[in-house]
Amino acid sequence: MSEKPIKPEEMSFEEAANELDGIIAVIDRGEEDLETMMASHARGQLLVKRCQSLLEQAEQQLKTVDVEELDD
């Protein structure tokens, strides 16, 4: 029995990016049927959103640190 995939919102940036790389490789090879590739594409979109969200959070944290350092 295969494991249930982790929800993207519970993944770290690295986990999401690694899974996304795997999905891209499978789709690029074109070895799966269309239905499977479409499901993989949908999952990939969720992973991209997760990565973008985590990058935006990190950027905001860096801006906050920079502003706090200027205030000192």
PDB file of N, CA and C in Angstrom:
ATOM      1  N   MET A   1       0.842  -1.172   0.000  1.00  0.00           N
ATOM      2  CA  MET A   1       0.000   0.000   0.000  1.00  0.00           C
ATOM      3  C   MET A   1       0.891   1.240   0.000  1.00  0.00           C
ATOM      4  N   SER A   2       0.592   2.224  -0.849  1.00  0.00           N
ATOM      5  CA  SER A   2       1.400   3.435  -0.905  1.00  0.00           C
ATOM      6  C   SER A   2       0.994   4.388   0.208  1.00  0.00           C
ATOM      7  N   GLU A   3       1.966   5.191   0.624  1.00  0.00           N
ATOM      8  CA  GLU A   3       1.713   6.155   1.678  1.00  0.00           C
ATOM      9  C   GLU A   3       0.884   7.312   1.141  1.00  0.00           C
ATOM     10  N   LYS A   4       0.077   7.892   2.014  1.00  0.00           N
ATOM     11  CA  LYS A   4      -0.704   9.059   1.637  1.00  0.00           C
ATOM     12  C   LYS A   4       0.252  10.249   1.530  1.00  0.00           C
ATOM     13  N   PRO A   5       0.176  11.020   0.447  1.00  0.00           N
ATOM     14  CA  PRO A   5       1.102  12.140   0.303  1.00  0.00           C
ATOM     15  C   PRO A   5       0.883  13.199   1.382  1.00  0.00           C
ATOM     16  N   ILE A   6       1.959  13.853   1.757  1.00  0.00           N
ATOM     17  CA  ILE A   6       1.892  14.932   2.743  1.00  0.00           C
ATOM     18  C   ILE A   6       1.200  16.125   2.099  1.00  0.00           C
ATOM     19  N   LYS A   7       0.364  16.797   2.862  1.00  0.00           N
ATOM     20  CA  LYS A   7      -0.301  17.998   2.357  1.00  0.00           C
ATOM     21  C   LYS A   7       0.753  19.075   2.128  1.00  0.00           C
ATOM     22  N   PRO A   8       0.693  19.774   0.988  1.00  0.00           N
ATOM     23  CA  PRO A   8       1.690  20.808   0.707  1.00  0.00           C
ATOM     24  C   PRO A   8       1.818  21.842   1.825  1.00  0.00           C
ATOM     25  N   GLU A   9       0.709  22.206   2.456  1.00  0.00           N
ATOM     26  CA  GLU A   9       0.776  23.232   3.504  1.00  0.00           C
ATOM     27  C   GLU A   9       1.530  22.749   4.751  1.00  0.00           C
ATOM     28  N   GLU A  10       1.822  21.466   4.831  1.00  0.00           N
ATOM     29  CA  GLU A  10       2.578  20.907   5.954  1.00  0.00           C
ATOM     30  C   GLU A  10       4.047  20.670   5.599  1.00  0.00           C
ATOM     31  N   MET A  11       4.429  20.988   4.360  1.00  0.00           N
ATOM     32  CA  MET A  11       5.785  20.694   3.883  1.00  0.00           C
ATOM     33  C   MET A  11       6.725  21.872   4.100  1.00  0.00           C
ATOM     34  N   SER A  12       7.992  21.530   4.274  1.00  0.00           N
ATOM     35  CA  SER A  12       9.032  22.559   4.282  1.00  0.00           C
ATOM     36  C   SER A  12       9.287  22.965   2.830  1.00  0.00           C
ATOM     37  N   PHE A  13      10.038  24.052   2.661  1.00  0.00           N
ATOM     38  CA  PHE A  13      10.378  24.487   1.309  1.00  0.00           C
ATOM     39  C   PHE A  13      11.125  23.384   0.562  1.00  0.00           C
ATOM     40  N   GLU A  14      12.079  22.779   1.246  1.00  0.00           N
ATOM     41  CA  GLU A  14      12.909  21.755   0.602  1.00  0.00           C
ATOM     42  C   GLU A  14      12.084  20.539   0.198  1.00  0.00           C
ATOM     43  N   GLU A  15      11.171  20.125   1.065  1.00  0.00           N
ATOM     44  CA  GLU A  15      10.311  18.979   0.736  1.00  0.00           C
ATOM     45  C   GLU A  15       9.454  19.273  -0.488  1.00  0.00           C
ATOM     46  N   ALA A  16       8.843  20.443  -0.501  1.00  0.00           N
ATOM     47  CA  ALA A  16       7.971  20.810  -1.623  1.00  0.00           C
ATOM     48  C   ALA A  16       8.779  20.936  -2.923  1.00  0.00           C
ATOM     49  N   ALA A  17       9.937  21.570  -2.842  1.00  0.00           N
ATOM     50  CA  ALA A  17      10.764  21.752  -4.036  1.00  0.00           C
ATOM     51  C   ALA A  17      11.260  20.416  -4.575  1.00  0.00           C
ATOM     52  N   ASN A  18      11.653  19.506  -3.687  1.00  0.00           N
ATOM     53  CA  ASN A  18      12.121  18.190  -4.130  1.00  0.00           C
ATOM     54  C   ASN A  18      11.006  17.396  -4.794  1.00  0.00           C
ATOM     55  N   GLU A  19       9.807  17.422  -4.195  1.00  0.00           N
ATOM     56  CA  GLU A  19       8.697  16.698  -4.812  1.00  0.00           C
ATOM     57  C   GLU A  19       8.350  17.320  -6.163  1.00  0.00           C
ATOM     58  N   LEU A  20       8.385  18.639  -6.234  1.00  0.00           N
ATOM     59  CA  LEU A  20       8.096  19.318  -7.492  1.00  0.00           C
ATOM     60  C   LEU A  20       9.100  18.924  -8.577  1.00  0.00           C
ATOM     61  N   ASP A  21      10.374  18.846  -8.211  1.00  0.00           N
ATOM     62  CA  ASP A  21      11.397  18.395  -9.164  1.00  0.00           C
ATOM     63  C   ASP A  21      11.078  16.999  -9.689  1.00  0.00           C
ATOM     64  N   GLY A  22      10.632  16.116  -8.801  1.00  0.00           N
ATOM     65  CA  GLY A  22      10.272  14.761  -9.212  1.00  0.00           C
ATOM     66  C   GLY A  22       9.082  14.747 -10.153  1.00  0.00           C
ATOM     67  N   ILE A  23       8.091  15.559  -9.866  1.00  0.00           N
ATOM     68  CA  ILE A  23       6.900  15.635 -10.724  1.00  0.00           C
ATOM     69  C   ILE A  23       7.288  16.134 -12.111  1.00  0.00           C
ATOM     70  N   ILE A  24       8.118  17.161 -12.149  1.00  0.00           N
ATOM     71  CA  ILE A  24       8.548  17.712 -13.437  1.00  0.00           C
ATOM     72  C   ILE A  24       9.287  16.655 -14.246  1.00  0.00           C
ATOM     73  N   ALA A  25      10.151  15.892 -13.593  1.00  0.00           N
ATOM     74  CA  ALA A  25      10.905  14.844 -14.293  1.00  0.00           C
ATOM     75  C   ALA A  25       9.970  13.792 -14.880  1.00  0.00           C
ATOM     76  N   VAL A  26       8.969  13.370 -14.123  1.00  0.00           N
ATOM     77  CA  VAL A  26       8.020  12.356 -14.597  1.00  0.00           C
ATOM     78  C   VAL A  26       7.222  12.889 -15.787  1.00  0.00           C
ATOM     79  N   ILE A  27       6.748  14.118 -15.671  1.00  0.00           N
ATOM     80  CA  ILE A  27       5.966  14.703 -16.771  1.00  0.00           C
ATOM     81  C   ILE A  27       6.835  14.871 -18.007  1.00  0.00           C
ATOM     82  N   ASP A  28       8.078  15.327 -17.819  1.00  0.00           N
ATOM     83  CA  ASP A  28       8.987  15.507 -18.958  1.00  0.00           C
ATOM     84  C   ASP A  28       9.258  14.208 -19.698  1.00  0.00           C
ATOM     85  N   ARG A  29       9.351  13.099 -18.937  1.00  0.00           N
ATOM     86  CA  ARG A  29       9.586  11.800 -19.588  1.00  0.00           C
ATOM     87  C   ARG A  29       8.369  11.343 -20.384  1.00  0.00           C
ATOM     88  N   GLY A  30       7.197  11.779 -19.974  1.00  0.00           N
ATOM     89  CA  GLY A  30       5.969  11.426 -20.687  1.00  0.00           C
ATOM     90  C   GLY A  30       5.617   9.958 -20.619  1.00  0.00           C
ATOM     91  N   GLU A  31       6.039   9.270 -19.571  1.00  0.00           N
ATOM     92  CA  GLU A  31       5.818   7.835 -19.459  1.00  0.00           C
ATOM     93  C   GLU A  31       4.485   7.474 -18.802  1.00  0.00           C
ATOM     94  N   GLU A  32       3.840   8.450 -18.196  1.00  0.00           N
ATOM     95  CA  GLU A  32       2.575   8.191 -17.511  1.00  0.00           C
ATOM     96  C   GLU A  32       1.407   8.486 -18.448  1.00  0.00           C
ATOM     97  N   ASP A  33       0.237   7.961 -18.087  1.00  0.00           N
ATOM     98  CA  ASP A  33      -0.940   8.258 -18.881  1.00  0.00           C
ATOM     99  C   ASP A  33      -1.389   9.700 -18.615  1.00  0.00           C
ATOM    100  N   LEU A  34      -2.232  10.224 -19.474  1.00  0.00           N
ATOM    101  CA  LEU A  34      -2.655  11.613 -19.392  1.00  0.00           C
ATOM    102  C   LEU A  34      -3.317  11.938 -18.055  1.00  0.00           C
ATOM    103  N   GLU A  35      -4.174  11.061 -17.580  1.00  0.00           N
ATOM    104  CA  GLU A  35      -4.872  11.310 -16.318  1.00  0.00           C
ATOM    105  C   GLU A  35      -3.895  11.443 -15.145  1.00  0.00           C
ATOM    106  N   THR A  36      -2.899  10.576 -15.119  1.00  0.00           N
ATOM    107  CA  THR A  36      -1.892  10.627 -14.062  1.00  0.00           C
ATOM    108  C   THR A  36      -1.062  11.903 -14.166  1.00  0.00           C
ATOM    109  N   MET A  37      -0.695  12.271 -15.381  1.00  0.00           N
ATOM    110  CA  MET A  37       0.085  13.491 -15.563  1.00  0.00           C
ATOM    111  C   MET A  37      -0.724  14.728 -15.184  1.00  0.00           C
ATOM    112  N   MET A  38      -2.012  14.736 -15.457  1.00  0.00           N
ATOM    113  CA  MET A  38      -2.860  15.871 -15.075  1.00  0.00           C
ATOM    114  C   MET A  38      -2.959  15.971 -13.549  1.00  0.00           C
ATOM    115  N   ALA A  39      -3.088  14.845 -12.872  1.00  0.00           N
ATOM    116  CA  ALA A  39      -3.130  14.849 -11.408  1.00  0.00           C
ATOM    117  C   ALA A  39      -1.789  15.323 -10.850  1.00  0.00           C
ATOM    118  N   SER A  40      -0.696  14.887 -11.457  1.00  0.00           N
ATOM    119  CA  SER A  40       0.632  15.323 -11.026  1.00  0.00           C
ATOM    120  C   SER A  40       0.791  16.827 -11.246  1.00  0.00           C
ATOM    121  N   HIS A  41       0.282  17.315 -12.355  1.00  0.00           N
ATOM    122  CA  HIS A  41       0.349  18.751 -12.648  1.00  0.00           C
ATOM    123  C   HIS A  41      -0.417  19.547 -11.589  1.00  0.00           C
ATOM    124  N   ALA A  42      -1.591  19.077 -11.215  1.00  0.00           N
ATOM    125  CA  ALA A  42      -2.394  19.757 -10.190  1.00  0.00           C
ATOM    126  C   ALA A  42      -1.637  19.777  -8.856  1.00  0.00           C
ATOM    127  N   ARG A  43      -1.029  18.662  -8.498  1.00  0.00           N
ATOM    128  CA  ARG A  43      -0.241  18.604  -7.252  1.00  0.00           C
ATOM    129  C   ARG A  43       0.944  19.558  -7.361  1.00  0.00           C
ATOM    130  N   GLY A  44       1.566  19.585  -8.518  1.00  0.00           N
ATOM    131  CA  GLY A  44       2.689  20.494  -8.734  1.00  0.00           C
ATOM    132  C   GLY A  44       2.307  21.950  -8.539  1.00  0.00           C
ATOM    133  N   GLN A  45       1.108  22.319  -8.974  1.00  0.00           N
ATOM    134  CA  GLN A  45       0.646  23.693  -8.779  1.00  0.00           C
ATOM    135  C   GLN A  45       0.523  24.024  -7.292  1.00  0.00           C
ATOM    136  N   LEU A  46       0.027  23.074  -6.512  1.00  0.00           N
ATOM    137  CA  LEU A  46      -0.074  23.287  -5.068  1.00  0.00           C
ATOM    138  C   LEU A  46       1.313  23.427  -4.437  1.00  0.00           C
ATOM    139  N   LEU A  47       2.261  22.638  -4.921  1.00  0.00           N
ATOM    140  CA  LEU A  47       3.620  22.707  -4.399  1.00  0.00           C
ATOM    141  C   LEU A  47       4.281  24.040  -4.754  1.00  0.00           C
ATOM    142  N   VAL A  48       4.032  24.531  -5.953  1.00  0.00           N
ATOM    143  CA  VAL A  48       4.572  25.835  -6.355  1.00  0.00           C
ATOM    144  C   VAL A  48       4.015  26.923  -5.449  1.00  0.00           C
ATOM    145  N   LYS A  49       2.716  26.876  -5.179  1.00  0.00           N
ATOM    146  CA  LYS A  49       2.102  27.868  -4.294  1.00  0.00           C
ATOM    147  C   LYS A  49       2.726  27.813  -2.903  1.00  0.00           C
ATOM    148  N   ARG A  50       2.991  26.610  -2.416  1.00  0.00           N
ATOM    149  CA  ARG A  50       3.613  26.449  -1.097  1.00  0.00           C
ATOM    150  C   ARG A  50       5.009  27.065  -1.089  1.00  0.00           C
ATOM    151  N   CYS A  51       5.783  26.778  -2.109  1.00  0.00           N
ATOM    152  CA  CYS A  51       7.136  27.331  -2.188  1.00  0.00           C
ATOM    153  C   CYS A  51       7.090  28.860  -2.254  1.00  0.00           C
ATOM    154  N   GLN A  52       6.201  29.402  -3.065  1.00  0.00           N
ATOM    155  CA  GLN A  52       6.071  30.854  -3.168  1.00  0.00           C
ATOM    156  C   GLN A  52       5.690  31.465  -1.822  1.00  0.00           C
ATOM    157  N   SER A  53       4.772  30.836  -1.126  1.00  0.00           N
ATOM    158  CA  SER A  53       4.334  31.334   0.168  1.00  0.00           C
ATOM    159  C   SER A  53       5.488  31.348   1.172  1.00  0.00           C
ATOM    160  N   LEU A  54       6.254  30.273   1.200  1.00  0.00           N
ATOM    161  CA  LEU A  54       7.383  30.204   2.130  1.00  0.00           C
ATOM    162  C   LEU A  54       8.465  31.222   1.779  1.00  0.00           C
ATOM    163  N   LEU A  55       8.692  31.440   0.490  1.00  0.00           N
ATOM    164  CA  LEU A  55       9.672  32.443   0.077  1.00  0.00           C
ATOM    165  C   LEU A  55       9.203  33.852   0.447  1.00  0.00           C
ATOM    166  N   GLU A  56       7.911  34.130   0.283  1.00  0.00           N
ATOM    167  CA  GLU A  56       7.368  35.427   0.669  1.00  0.00           C
ATOM    168  C   GLU A  56       7.502  35.648   2.174  1.00  0.00           C
ATOM    169  N   GLN A  57       7.255  34.596   2.965  1.00  0.00           N
ATOM    170  CA  GLN A  57       7.407  34.704   4.419  1.00  0.00           C
ATOM    171  C   GLN A  57       8.859  35.003   4.790  1.00  0.00           C
ATOM    172  N   ALA A  58       9.778  34.320   4.138  1.00  0.00           N
ATOM    173  CA  ALA A  58      11.201  34.533   4.419  1.00  0.00           C
ATOM    174  C   ALA A  58      11.604  35.955   4.029  1.00  0.00           C
ATOM    175  N   GLU A  59      11.122  36.420   2.896  1.00  0.00           N
ATOM    176  CA  GLU A  59      11.432  37.781   2.451  1.00  0.00           C
ATOM    177  C   GLU A  59      10.911  38.812   3.456  1.00  0.00           C
ATOM    178  N   GLN A  60       9.704  38.604   3.950  1.00  0.00           N
ATOM    179  CA  GLN A  60       9.120  39.510   4.931  1.00  0.00           C
ATOM    180  C   GLN A  60       9.934  39.520   6.222  1.00  0.00           C
ATOM    181  N   GLN A  61      10.380  38.348   6.639  1.00  0.00           N
ATOM    182  CA  GLN A  61      11.208  38.260   7.845  1.00  0.00           C
ATOM    183  C   GLN A  61      12.516  39.023   7.665  1.00  0.00           C
ATOM    184  N   LEU A  62      13.111  38.902   6.477  1.00  0.00           N
ATOM    185  CA  LEU A  62      14.362  39.617   6.206  1.00  0.00           C
ATOM    186  C   LEU A  62      14.137  41.124   6.217  1.00  0.00           C
ATOM    187  N   LYS A  63      13.033  41.567   5.643  1.00  0.00           N
ATOM    188  CA  LYS A  63      12.721  43.003   5.650  1.00  0.00           C
ATOM    189  C   LYS A  63      12.518  43.501   7.068  1.00  0.00           C
ATOM    190  N   THR A  64      11.852  42.710   7.885  1.00  0.00           N
ATOM    191  CA  THR A  64      11.611  43.088   9.277  1.00  0.00           C
ATOM    192  C   THR A  64      12.929  43.200  10.028  1.00  0.00           C
ATOM    193  N   VAL A  65      13.827  42.258   9.822  1.00  0.00           N
ATOM    194  CA  VAL A  65      15.139  42.289  10.476  1.00  0.00           C
ATOM    195  C   VAL A  65      15.909  43.524  10.021  1.00  0.00           C
ATOM    196  N   ASP A  66      15.891  43.808   8.720  1.00  0.00           N
ATOM    197  CA  ASP A  66      16.604  44.973   8.198  1.00  0.00           C
ATOM    198  C   ASP A  66      16.082  46.264   8.819  1.00  0.00           C
ATOM    199  N   VAL A  67      14.772  46.404   8.937  1.00  0.00           N
ATOM    200  CA  VAL A  67      14.172  47.603   9.524  1.00  0.00           C
ATOM    201  C   VAL A  67      14.530  47.703  10.989  1.00  0.00           C
ATOM    202  N   GLU A  68      14.487  46.601  11.708  1.00  0.00           N
ATOM    203  CA  GLU A  68      14.823  46.604  13.135  1.00  0.00           C
ATOM    204  C   GLU A  68      16.289  46.997  13.329  1.00  0.00           C
ATOM    205  N   GLU A  69      17.163  46.549  12.446  1.00  0.00           N
ATOM    206  CA  GLU A  69      18.578  46.884  12.562  1.00  0.00           C
ATOM    207  C   GLU A  69      18.808  48.378  12.293  1.00  0.00           C
ATOM    208  N   LEU A  70      18.035  48.966  11.399  1.00  0.00           N
ATOM    209  CA  LEU A  70      18.158  50.382  11.108  1.00  0.00           C
ATOM    210  C   LEU A  70      17.706  51.244  12.281  1.00  0.00           C
ATOM    211  N   ASP A  71      16.742  50.727  13.040  1.00  0.00           N
ATOM    212  CA  ASP A  71      16.211  51.470  14.176  1.00  0.00           C
ATOM    213  C   ASP A  71      17.196  51.517  15.343  1.00  0.00           C
ATOM    214  N   ASP A  72      18.145  50.599  15.377  1.00  0.00           N
ATOM    215  CA  ASP A  72      19.107  50.537  16.499  1.00  0.00           C
ATOM    216  C   ASP A  72      20.157  51.602  16.412  1.00  0.00           C
TER     217      ASP A  72
END
